[in-house]
Every structure is written in structure tokens, then in C-alpha cells.
Amino acid sequence: MYFRFGSALVLVILMSVAGIAIEKQCLALRRAVIRQQYRRDVLGDQYARLRLQTQQLGAPVRLFEALESGRLERMPPDDANEPGGQRSPLLAWKSARPADR
């Protein structure tokens, strides 16, 4: 009688330990899947940012092509026609040398 009770108790304990091990493995796999989804989202965001940056950096090339083919007009800046207009910082820097004064 004690043997049956002991063997039933050991069987219940072994089943619970096996259930805990399986649950632990399922949680580890679920964490791995969530981590992979997060990495995929991060890579998708990075891809979108890099694609936008590529388009922004490629835009001047398209503008130059349009200018060279004559589809766009070149217009001087508004302050270029005024004699006392503000100059760009580089030009102002060149004229601010002591030798020019």
C-alpha cells in the first residue's frame, strides 16, 4: 500500500517537473521570437531612415540633371542684385582680412 502511494507520488512529481521544463522551454522560445520581432522592427526603421537619406542625398543629382537638360531655370538669389545686400559668410570672411582694410 505504501509502495503504491509512493510510486503515485513520484509519478506526480515527475510529471510536474516535466511540465515545468516544457513551460520553461516555451517561454524561452517565446522570448526569442519577441526579440527577433523587435530586431526586425528596428531593422525596418533603420532601412526606412537609410532609404530616406539615400533619396535626400540623391536629390541634388536629379536637380543637376534637370538644370543641365534645361528643364529648370537658374535664378540668382534675391540679394545678389542689391549692392549693399548681405554676403555669404565665406565671402565676408575673405573680405575681413586686415590687408583688405
PDB file of N, CA and C in Angstrom:
ATOM      1  N   MET A   1       0.813  -1.178   0.000  1.00  0.00           N
ATOM      2  CA  MET A   1       0.000   0.000   0.000  1.00  0.00           C
ATOM      3  C   MET A   1       0.865   1.253   0.000  1.00  0.00           C
ATOM      4  N   TYR A   2       1.897   1.266   0.838  1.00  0.00           N
ATOM      5  CA  TYR A   2       2.799   2.411   0.858  1.00  0.00           C
ATOM      6  C   TYR A   2       3.585   2.515  -0.445  1.00  0.00           C
ATOM      7  N   PHE A   3       3.858   1.354  -1.036  1.00  0.00           N
ATOM      8  CA  PHE A   3       4.593   1.348  -2.294  1.00  0.00           C
ATOM      9  C   PHE A   3       3.772   2.010  -3.402  1.00  0.00           C
ATOM     10  N   ARG A   4       2.494   1.699  -3.463  1.00  0.00           N
ATOM     11  CA  ARG A   4       1.635   2.296  -4.472  1.00  0.00           C
ATOM     12  C   ARG A   4       1.519   3.806  -4.276  1.00  0.00           C
ATOM     13  N   PHE A   5       1.325   4.209  -3.043  1.00  0.00           N
ATOM     14  CA  PHE A   5       1.208   5.630  -2.740  1.00  0.00           C
ATOM     15  C   PHE A   5       2.501   6.368  -3.086  1.00  0.00           C
ATOM     16  N   GLY A   6       3.647   5.786  -2.723  1.00  0.00           N
ATOM     17  CA  GLY A   6       4.942   6.396  -3.015  1.00  0.00           C
ATOM     18  C   GLY A   6       5.197   6.487  -4.511  1.00  0.00           C
ATOM     19  N   SER A   7       4.872   5.419  -5.236  1.00  0.00           N
ATOM     20  CA  SER A   7       5.087   5.438  -6.688  1.00  0.00           C
ATOM     21  C   SER A   7       4.144   6.440  -7.361  1.00  0.00           C
ATOM     22  N   ALA A   8       2.916   6.570  -6.880  1.00  0.00           N
ATOM     23  CA  ALA A   8       1.990   7.562  -7.439  1.00  0.00           C
ATOM     24  C   ALA A   8       2.499   8.974  -7.162  1.00  0.00           C
ATOM     25  N   LEU A   9       3.004   9.181  -5.948  1.00  0.00           N
ATOM     26  CA  LEU A   9       3.540  10.495  -5.593  1.00  0.00           C
ATOM     27  C   LEU A   9       4.763  10.836  -6.445  1.00  0.00           C
ATOM     28  N   VAL A  10       5.663   9.882  -6.665  1.00  0.00           N
ATOM     29  CA  VAL A  10       6.842  10.109  -7.514  1.00  0.00           C
ATOM     30  C   VAL A  10       6.409  10.376  -8.949  1.00  0.00           C
ATOM     31  N   LEU A  11       5.407   9.679  -9.426  1.00  0.00           N
ATOM     32  CA  LEU A  11       4.912   9.888 -10.778  1.00  0.00           C
ATOM     33  C   LEU A  11       4.323  11.294 -10.938  1.00  0.00           C
ATOM     34  N   VAL A  12       3.576  11.761  -9.950  1.00  0.00           N
ATOM     35  CA  VAL A  12       3.001  13.103  -9.998  1.00  0.00           C
ATOM     36  C   VAL A  12       4.108  14.153  -9.981  1.00  0.00           C
ATOM     37  N   ILE A  13       5.113  13.952  -9.150  1.00  0.00           N
ATOM     38  CA  ILE A  13       6.238  14.901  -9.063  1.00  0.00           C
ATOM     39  C   ILE A  13       7.007  14.928 -10.380  1.00  0.00           C
ATOM     40  N   LEU A  14       7.272  13.781 -10.979  1.00  0.00           N
ATOM     41  CA  LEU A  14       7.983  13.733 -12.252  1.00  0.00           C
ATOM     42  C   LEU A  14       7.183  14.419 -13.358  1.00  0.00           C
ATOM     43  N   MET A  15       5.867  14.238 -13.356  1.00  0.00           N
ATOM     44  CA  MET A  15       5.040  14.896 -14.375  1.00  0.00           C
ATOM     45  C   MET A  15       5.056  16.412 -14.182  1.00  0.00           C
ATOM     46  N   SER A  16       5.023  16.866 -12.946  1.00  0.00           N
ATOM     47  CA  SER A  16       5.045  18.314 -12.708  1.00  0.00           C
ATOM     48  C   SER A  16       6.396  18.913 -13.094  1.00  0.00           C
ATOM     49  N   VAL A  17       7.483  18.184 -12.805  1.00  0.00           N
ATOM     50  CA  VAL A  17       8.811  18.664 -13.189  1.00  0.00           C
ATOM     51  C   VAL A  17       8.928  18.710 -14.717  1.00  0.00           C
ATOM     52  N   ALA A  18       8.398  17.705 -15.397  1.00  0.00           N
ATOM     53  CA  ALA A  18       8.427  17.696 -16.863  1.00  0.00           C
ATOM     54  C   ALA A  18       7.582  18.851 -17.408  1.00  0.00           C
ATOM     55  N   GLY A  19       6.434  19.108 -16.801  1.00  0.00           N
ATOM     56  CA  GLY A  19       5.593  20.227 -17.219  1.00  0.00           C
ATOM     57  C   GLY A  19       6.295  21.562 -17.024  1.00  0.00           C
ATOM     58  N   ILE A  20       7.003  21.710 -15.916  1.00  0.00           N
ATOM     59  CA  ILE A  20       7.756  22.939 -15.658  1.00  0.00           C
ATOM     60  C   ILE A  20       8.857  23.109 -16.696  1.00  0.00           C
ATOM     61  N   ALA A  21       9.560  22.030 -17.038  1.00  0.00           N
ATOM     62  CA  ALA A  21      10.632  22.101 -18.039  1.00  0.00           C
ATOM     63  C   ALA A  21      10.067  22.496 -19.411  1.00  0.00           C
ATOM     64  N   ILE A  22       8.927  21.918 -19.766  1.00  0.00           N
ATOM     65  CA  ILE A  22       8.315  22.259 -21.054  1.00  0.00           C
ATOM     66  C   ILE A  22       7.866  23.712 -21.059  1.00  0.00           C
ATOM     67  N   GLU A  23       7.274  24.183 -19.973  1.00  0.00           N
ATOM     68  CA  GLU A  23       6.838  25.575 -19.870  1.00  0.00           C
ATOM     69  C   GLU A  23       8.020  26.523 -19.961  1.00  0.00           C
ATOM     70  N   LYS A  24       9.124  26.147 -19.331  1.00  0.00           N
ATOM     71  CA  LYS A  24      10.337  26.967 -19.382  1.00  0.00           C
ATOM     72  C   LYS A  24      10.859  27.073 -20.807  1.00  0.00           C
ATOM     73  N   GLN A  25      10.839  25.967 -21.525  1.00  0.00           N
ATOM     74  CA  GLN A  25      11.293  25.964 -22.910  1.00  0.00           C
ATOM     75  C   GLN A  25      10.370  26.811 -23.786  1.00  0.00           C
ATOM     76  N   CYS A  26       9.078  26.717 -23.559  1.00  0.00           N
ATOM     77  CA  CYS A  26       8.126  27.534 -24.325  1.00  0.00           C
ATOM     78  C   CYS A  26       8.361  29.019 -24.074  1.00  0.00           C
ATOM     79  N   LEU A  27       8.609  29.404 -22.827  1.00  0.00           N
ATOM     80  CA  LEU A  27       8.874  30.804 -22.514  1.00  0.00           C
ATOM     81  C   LEU A  27      10.171  31.287 -23.164  1.00  0.00           C
ATOM     82  N   ALA A  28      11.185  30.427 -23.168  1.00  0.00           N
ATOM     83  CA  ALA A  28      12.448  30.808 -23.808  1.00  0.00           C
ATOM     84  C   ALA A  28      12.252  31.001 -25.314  1.00  0.00           C
ATOM     85  N   LEU A  29      11.485  30.125 -25.945  1.00  0.00           N
ATOM     86  CA  LEU A  29      11.214  30.262 -27.376  1.00  0.00           C
ATOM     87  C   LEU A  29      10.380  31.509 -27.656  1.00  0.00           C
ATOM     88  N   ARG A  30       9.416  31.796 -26.783  1.00  0.00           N
ATOM     89  CA  ARG A  30       8.594  32.994 -26.962  1.00  0.00           C
ATOM     90  C   ARG A  30       9.452  34.256 -26.837  1.00  0.00           C
ATOM     91  N   ARG A  31      10.385  34.274 -25.871  1.00  0.00           N
ATOM     92  CA  ARG A  31      11.304  35.414 -25.744  1.00  0.00           C
ATOM     93  C   ARG A  31      12.163  35.570 -26.992  1.00  0.00           C
ATOM     94  N   ALA A  32      12.632  34.462 -27.538  1.00  0.00           N
ATOM     95  CA  ALA A  32      13.457  34.527 -28.754  1.00  0.00           C
ATOM     96  C   ALA A  32      12.648  35.084 -29.925  1.00  0.00           C
ATOM     97  N   VAL A  33      11.394  34.676 -30.047  1.00  0.00           N
ATOM     98  CA  VAL A  33      10.552  35.180 -31.136  1.00  0.00           C
ATOM     99  C   VAL A  33      10.298  36.673 -30.959  1.00  0.00           C
ATOM    100  N   ILE A  34      10.013  37.104 -29.729  1.00  0.00           N
ATOM    101  CA  ILE A  34       9.768  38.526 -29.471  1.00  0.00           C
ATOM    102  C   ILE A  34      11.022  39.338 -29.751  1.00  0.00           C
ATOM    103  N   ARG A  35      12.187  38.819 -29.379  1.00  0.00           N
ATOM    104  CA  ARG A  35      13.444  39.510 -29.655  1.00  0.00           C
ATOM    105  C   ARG A  35      13.679  39.634 -31.152  1.00  0.00           C
ATOM    106  N   GLN A  36      13.374  38.581 -31.898  1.00  0.00           N
ATOM    107  CA  GLN A  36      13.527  38.636 -33.349  1.00  0.00           C
ATOM    108  C   GLN A  36      12.554  39.630 -33.981  1.00  0.00           C
ATOM    109  N   GLN A  37      11.327  39.699 -33.471  1.00  0.00           N
ATOM    110  CA  GLN A  37      10.372  40.679 -33.985  1.00  0.00           C
ATOM    111  C   GLN A  37      10.843  42.101 -33.697  1.00  0.00           C
ATOM    112  N   TYR A  38      11.406  42.315 -32.508  1.00  0.00           N
ATOM    113  CA  TYR A  38      11.925  43.636 -32.163  1.00  0.00           C
ATOM    114  C   TYR A  38      13.081  44.015 -33.083  1.00  0.00           C
ATOM    115  N   ARG A  39      13.989  43.066 -33.302  1.00  0.00           N
ATOM    116  CA  ARG A  39      15.120  43.325 -34.203  1.00  0.00           C
ATOM    117  C   ARG A  39      14.635  43.618 -35.618  1.00  0.00           C
ATOM    118  N   ARG A  40      13.598  42.887 -36.068  1.00  0.00           N
ATOM    119  CA  ARG A  40      13.041  43.129 -37.389  1.00  0.00           C
ATOM    120  C   ARG A  40      12.449  44.533 -37.481  1.00  0.00           C
ATOM    121  N   ASP A  41      11.755  44.956 -36.429  1.00  0.00           N
ATOM    122  CA  ASP A  41      11.188  46.311 -36.414  1.00  0.00           C
ATOM    123  C   ASP A  41      12.286  47.367 -36.434  1.00  0.00           C
ATOM    124  N   VAL A  42      13.345  47.149 -35.642  1.00  0.00           N
ATOM    125  CA  VAL A  42      14.458  48.099 -35.620  1.00  0.00           C
ATOM    126  C   VAL A  42      15.130  48.166 -36.983  1.00  0.00           C
ATOM    127  N   LEU A  43      15.355  47.013 -37.594  1.00  0.00           N
ATOM    128  CA  LEU A  43      15.969  46.990 -38.919  1.00  0.00           C
ATOM    129  C   LEU A  43      15.059  47.628 -39.969  1.00  0.00           C
ATOM    130  N   GLY A  44      13.743  47.438 -39.832  1.00  0.00           N
ATOM    131  CA  GLY A  44      12.809  48.082 -40.752  1.00  0.00           C
ATOM    132  C   GLY A  44      12.864  49.597 -40.621  1.00  0.00           C
ATOM    133  N   ASP A  45      12.932  50.099 -39.383  1.00  0.00           N
ATOM    134  CA  ASP A  45      13.057  51.541 -39.169  1.00  0.00           C
ATOM    135  C   ASP A  45      14.374  52.068 -39.726  1.00  0.00           C
ATOM    136  N   GLN A  46      15.445  51.318 -39.477  1.00  0.00           N
ATOM    137  CA  GLN A  46      16.748  51.735 -39.984  1.00  0.00           C
ATOM    138  C   GLN A  46      16.758  51.726 -41.517  1.00  0.00           C
ATOM    139  N   TYR A  47      16.131  50.740 -42.104  1.00  0.00           N
ATOM    140  CA  TYR A  47      16.042  50.668 -43.567  1.00  0.00           C
ATOM    141  C   TYR A  47      15.287  51.876 -44.108  1.00  0.00           C
ATOM    142  N   ALA A  48      14.185  52.235 -43.446  1.00  0.00           N
ATOM    143  CA  ALA A  48      13.397  53.384 -43.901  1.00  0.00           C
ATOM    144  C   ALA A  48      14.203  54.677 -43.783  1.00  0.00           C
ATOM    145  N   ARG A  49      14.937  54.834 -42.653  1.00  0.00           N
ATOM    146  CA  ARG A  49      15.762  56.038 -42.480  1.00  0.00           C
ATOM    147  C   ARG A  49      16.866  56.104 -43.524  1.00  0.00           C
ATOM    148  N   LEU A  50      17.520  54.977 -43.774  1.00  0.00           N
ATOM    149  CA  LEU A  50      18.597  54.965 -44.759  1.00  0.00           C
ATOM    150  C   LEU A  50      18.059  55.192 -46.171  1.00  0.00           C
ATOM    151  N   ARG A  51      16.892  54.670 -46.447  1.00  0.00           N
ATOM    152  CA  ARG A  51      16.291  54.888 -47.762  1.00  0.00           C
ATOM    153  C   ARG A  51      15.941  56.363 -47.949  1.00  0.00           C
ATOM    154  N   LEU A  52      15.389  56.987 -46.912  1.00  0.00           N
ATOM    155  CA  LEU A  52      15.077  58.414 -46.970  1.00  0.00           C
ATOM    156  C   LEU A  52      16.347  59.228 -47.141  1.00  0.00           C
ATOM    157  N   GLN A  53      17.386  58.869 -46.387  1.00  0.00           N
ATOM    158  CA  GLN A  53      18.660  59.582 -46.510  1.00  0.00           C
ATOM    159  C   GLN A  53      19.236  59.416 -47.911  1.00  0.00           C
ATOM    160  N   THR A  54      19.112  58.227 -48.483  1.00  0.00           N
ATOM    161  CA  THR A  54      19.598  57.991 -49.836  1.00  0.00           C
ATOM    162  C   THR A  54      18.844  58.852 -50.837  1.00  0.00           C
ATOM    163  N   GLN A  55      17.535  58.952 -50.665  1.00  0.00           N
ATOM    164  CA  GLN A  55      16.750  59.783 -51.564  1.00  0.00           C
ATOM    165  C   GLN A  55      17.113  61.251 -51.406  1.00  0.00           C
ATOM    166  N   GLN A  56      17.345  61.688 -50.157  1.00  0.00           N
ATOM    167  CA  GLN A  56      17.715  63.078 -49.936  1.00  0.00           C
ATOM    168  C   GLN A  56      19.089  63.382 -50.519  1.00  0.00           C
ATOM    169  N   LEU A  57      20.018  62.450 -50.355  1.00  0.00           N
ATOM    170  CA  LEU A  57      21.352  62.670 -50.898  1.00  0.00           C
ATOM    171  C   LEU A  57      21.371  62.558 -52.414  1.00  0.00           C
ATOM    172  N   GLY A  58      20.444  61.805 -52.972  1.00  0.00           N
ATOM    173  CA  GLY A  58      20.386  61.662 -54.421  1.00  0.00           C
ATOM    174  C   GLY A  58      19.628  62.791 -55.090  1.00  0.00           C
ATOM    175  N   ALA A  59      18.932  63.599 -54.317  1.00  0.00           N
ATOM    176  CA  ALA A  59      18.130  64.677 -54.895  1.00  0.00           C
ATOM    177  C   ALA A  59      18.976  65.705 -55.640  1.00  0.00           C
ATOM    178  N   PRO A  60      20.133  66.138 -55.138  1.00  0.00           N
ATOM    179  CA  PRO A  60      20.920  67.104 -55.907  1.00  0.00           C
ATOM    180  C   PRO A  60      21.338  66.588 -57.279  1.00  0.00           C
ATOM    181  N   VAL A  61      21.583  65.309 -57.394  1.00  0.00           N
ATOM    182  CA  VAL A  61      21.959  64.745 -58.687  1.00  0.00           C
ATOM    183  C   VAL A  61      20.815  64.931 -59.671  1.00  0.00           C
ATOM    184  N   ARG A  62      19.599  64.671 -59.232  1.00  0.00           N
ATOM    185  CA  ARG A  62      18.447  64.851 -60.120  1.00  0.00           C
ATOM    186  C   ARG A  62      18.264  66.320 -60.475  1.00  0.00           C
ATOM    187  N   LEU A  63      18.540  67.212 -59.503  1.00  0.00           N
ATOM    188  CA  LEU A  63      18.408  68.638 -59.782  1.00  0.00           C
ATOM    189  C   LEU A  63      19.447  69.084 -60.805  1.00  0.00           C
ATOM    190  N   PHE A  64      20.671  68.608 -60.654  1.00  0.00           N
ATOM    191  CA  PHE A  64      21.711  68.981 -61.618  1.00  0.00           C
ATOM    192  C   PHE A  64      21.376  68.463 -63.005  1.00  0.00           C
ATOM    193  N   GLU A  65      20.844  67.243 -63.063  1.00  0.00           N
ATOM    194  CA  GLU A  65      20.447  66.706 -64.367  1.00  0.00           C
ATOM    195  C   GLU A  65      19.354  67.563 -64.988  1.00  0.00           C
ATOM    196  N   ALA A  66      18.395  68.001 -64.170  1.00  0.00           N
ATOM    197  CA  ALA A  66      17.306  68.842 -64.679  1.00  0.00           C
ATOM    198  C   ALA A  66      17.837  70.202 -65.122  1.00  0.00           C
ATOM    199  N   LEU A  67      18.787  70.748 -64.374  1.00  0.00           N
ATOM    200  CA  LEU A  67      19.372  72.031 -64.754  1.00  0.00           C
ATOM    201  C   LEU A  67      20.156  71.927 -66.053  1.00  0.00           C
ATOM    202  N   GLU A  68      20.934  70.858 -66.188  1.00  0.00           N
ATOM    203  CA  GLU A  68      21.756  70.695 -67.381  1.00  0.00           C
ATOM    204  C   GLU A  68      20.914  70.412 -68.623  1.00  0.00           C
ATOM    205  N   SER A  69      19.811  69.740 -68.433  1.00  0.00           N
ATOM    206  CA  SER A  69      18.975  69.452 -69.600  1.00  0.00           C
ATOM    207  C   SER A  69      18.073  70.629 -69.960  1.00  0.00           C
ATOM    208  N   GLY A  70      18.004  71.647 -69.120  1.00  0.00           N
ATOM    209  CA  GLY A  70      17.239  72.842 -69.434  1.00  0.00           C
ATOM    210  C   GLY A  70      15.803  72.784 -68.954  1.00  0.00           C
ATOM    211  N   ARG A  71      15.444  71.796 -68.170  1.00  0.00           N
ATOM    212  CA  ARG A  71      14.072  71.716 -67.674  1.00  0.00           C
ATOM    213  C   ARG A  71      13.822  72.715 -66.546  1.00  0.00           C
ATOM    214  N   LEU A  72      14.869  73.166 -65.864  1.00  0.00           N
ATOM    215  CA  LEU A  72      14.740  74.155 -64.787  1.00  0.00           C
ATOM    216  C   LEU A  72      15.535  75.402 -65.146  1.00  0.00           C
ATOM    217  N   GLU A  73      15.066  76.557 -64.660  1.00  0.00           N
ATOM    218  CA  GLU A  73      15.780  77.808 -64.895  1.00  0.00           C
ATOM    219  C   GLU A  73      16.683  78.111 -63.711  1.00  0.00           C
ATOM    220  N   ARG A  74      17.833  78.658 -64.013  1.00  0.00           N
ATOM    221  CA  ARG A  74      18.714  79.116 -62.954  1.00  0.00           C
ATOM    222  C   ARG A  74      18.323  80.534 -62.591  1.00  0.00           C
ATOM    223  N   MET A  75      18.085  80.746 -61.306  1.00  0.00           N
ATOM    224  CA  MET A  75      17.689  82.072 -60.846  1.00  0.00           C
ATOM    225  C   MET A  75      18.703  82.557 -59.823  1.00  0.00           C
ATOM    226  N   PRO A  76      19.192  83.786 -59.953  1.00  0.00           N
ATOM    227  CA  PRO A  76      20.133  84.300 -58.958  1.00  0.00           C
ATOM    228  C   PRO A  76      19.401  84.553 -57.642  1.00  0.00           C
ATOM    229  N   PRO A  77      20.124  84.548 -56.532  1.00  0.00           N
ATOM    230  CA  PRO A  77      19.487  84.832 -55.253  1.00  0.00           C
ATOM    231  C   PRO A  77      18.925  86.256 -55.243  1.00  0.00           C
ATOM    232  N   ASP A  78      17.951  86.520 -54.402  1.00  0.00           N
ATOM    233  CA  ASP A  78      17.296  87.819 -54.349  1.00  0.00           C
ATOM    234  C   ASP A  78      18.246  88.935 -53.942  1.00  0.00           C
ATOM    235  N   ASP A  79      19.163  88.657 -53.041  1.00  0.00           N
ATOM    236  CA  ASP A  79      20.058  89.714 -52.560  1.00  0.00           C
ATOM    237  C   ASP A  79      21.280  89.908 -53.454  1.00  0.00           C
ATOM    238  N   ALA A  80      21.424  89.122 -54.511  1.00  0.00           N
ATOM    239  CA  ALA A  80      22.587  89.270 -55.388  1.00  0.00           C
ATOM    240  C   ALA A  80      22.489  90.537 -56.232  1.00  0.00           C
ATOM    241  N   ASN A  81      21.291  91.003 -56.526  1.00  0.00           N
ATOM    242  CA  ASN A  81      21.112  92.194 -57.351  1.00  0.00           C
ATOM    243  C   ASN A  81      21.320  93.490 -56.569  1.00  0.00           C
ATOM    244  N   GLU A  82      21.214  93.411 -55.248  1.00  0.00           N
ATOM    245  CA  GLU A  82      21.359  94.610 -54.416  1.00  0.00           C
ATOM    246  C   GLU A  82      22.837  94.832 -54.096  1.00  0.00           C
ATOM    247  N   PRO A  83      23.350  96.054 -54.275  1.00  0.00           N
ATOM    248  CA  PRO A  83      24.768  96.282 -53.998  1.00  0.00           C
ATOM    249  C   PRO A  83      25.106  96.183 -52.512  1.00  0.00           C
ATOM    250  N   GLY A  84      24.208  96.548 -51.638  1.00  0.00           N
ATOM    251  CA  GLY A  84      24.509  96.506 -50.201  1.00  0.00           C
ATOM    252  C   GLY A  84      23.934  95.287 -49.517  1.00  0.00           C
ATOM    253  N   GLY A  85      23.573  94.287 -50.275  1.00  0.00           N
ATOM    254  CA  GLY A  85      22.967  93.097 -49.691  1.00  0.00           C
ATOM    255  C   GLY A  85      23.957  92.312 -48.839  1.00  0.00           C
ATOM    256  N   GLN A  86      23.440  91.456 -48.017  1.00  0.00           N
ATOM    257  CA  GLN A  86      24.319  90.663 -47.164  1.00  0.00           C
ATOM    258  C   GLN A  86      25.066  89.650 -48.011  1.00  0.00           C
ATOM    259  N   ARG A  87      26.291  89.414 -47.617  1.00  0.00           N
ATOM    260  CA  ARG A  87      27.116  88.453 -48.334  1.00  0.00           C
ATOM    261  C   ARG A  87      27.132  87.144 -47.563  1.00  0.00           C
ATOM    262  N   SER A  88      27.511  86.101 -48.226  1.00  0.00           N
ATOM    263  CA  SER A  88      27.597  84.818 -47.543  1.00  0.00           C
ATOM    264  C   SER A  88      28.754  84.854 -46.554  1.00  0.00           C
ATOM    265  N   PRO A  89      28.745  84.033 -45.525  1.00  0.00           N
ATOM    266  CA  PRO A  89      29.797  84.072 -44.516  1.00  0.00           C
ATOM    267  C   PRO A  89      31.195  83.855 -45.089  1.00  0.00           C
ATOM    268  N   LEU A  90      31.338  82.995 -46.094  1.00  0.00           N
ATOM    269  CA  LEU A  90      32.656  82.745 -46.662  1.00  0.00           C
ATOM    270  C   LEU A  90      33.196  84.000 -47.347  1.00  0.00           C
ATOM    271  N   LEU A  91      32.353  84.705 -48.107  1.00  0.00           N
ATOM    272  CA  LEU A  91      32.800  85.922 -48.769  1.00  0.00           C
ATOM    273  C   LEU A  91      33.088  87.017 -47.748  1.00  0.00           C
ATOM    274  N   ALA A  92      32.289  87.080 -46.715  1.00  0.00           N
ATOM    275  CA  ALA A  92      32.528  88.073 -45.665  1.00  0.00           C
ATOM    276  C   ALA A  92      33.839  87.757 -44.950  1.00  0.00           C
ATOM    277  N   TRP A  93      34.148  86.491 -44.799  1.00  0.00           N
ATOM    278  CA  TRP A  93      35.380  86.117 -44.128  1.00  0.00           C
ATOM    279  C   TRP A  93      36.582  86.529 -44.974  1.00  0.00           C
ATOM    280  N   LYS A  94      36.505  86.354 -46.279  1.00  0.00           N
ATOM    281  CA  LYS A  94      37.624  86.706 -47.144  1.00  0.00           C
ATOM    282  C   LYS A  94      37.868  88.207 -47.150  1.00  0.00           C
ATOM    283  N   SER A  95      36.801  89.004 -47.047  1.00  0.00           N
ATOM    284  CA  SER A  95      36.995  90.448 -47.113  1.00  0.00           C
ATOM    285  C   SER A  95      37.317  91.036 -45.736  1.00  0.00           C
ATOM    286  N   ALA A  96      37.296  90.266 -44.695  1.00  0.00           N
ATOM    287  CA  ALA A  96      37.541  90.797 -43.363  1.00  0.00           C
ATOM    288  C   ALA A  96      39.004  90.694 -42.960  1.00  0.00           C
ATOM    289  N   ARG A  97      39.888  90.390 -43.884  1.00  0.00           N
ATOM    290  CA  ARG A  97      41.310  90.301 -43.553  1.00  0.00           C
ATOM    291  C   ARG A  97      41.869  91.697 -43.309  1.00  0.00           C
ATOM    292  N   PRO A  98      42.875  91.851 -42.457  1.00  0.00           N
ATOM    293  CA  PRO A  98      43.440  93.168 -42.186  1.00  0.00           C
ATOM    294  C   PRO A  98      44.078  93.801 -43.420  1.00  0.00           C
ATOM    295  N   ALA A  99      44.560  93.000 -44.364  1.00  0.00           N
ATOM    296  CA  ALA A  99      45.207  93.544 -45.557  1.00  0.00           C
ATOM    297  C   ALA A  99      44.194  94.256 -46.455  1.00  0.00           C
ATOM    298  N   ASP A 100      42.932  93.872 -46.411  1.00  0.00           N
ATOM    299  CA  ASP A 100      41.902  94.457 -47.262  1.00  0.00           C
ATOM    300  C   ASP A 100      41.362  95.776 -46.694  1.00  0.00           C
ATOM    301  N   ARG A 101      41.609  96.058 -45.452  1.00  0.00           N
ATOM    302  CA  ARG A 101      41.016  97.228 -44.804  1.00  0.00           C
ATOM    303  C   ARG A 101      41.788  98.469 -45.106  1.00  0.00           C
TER     304      ARG A 101
END
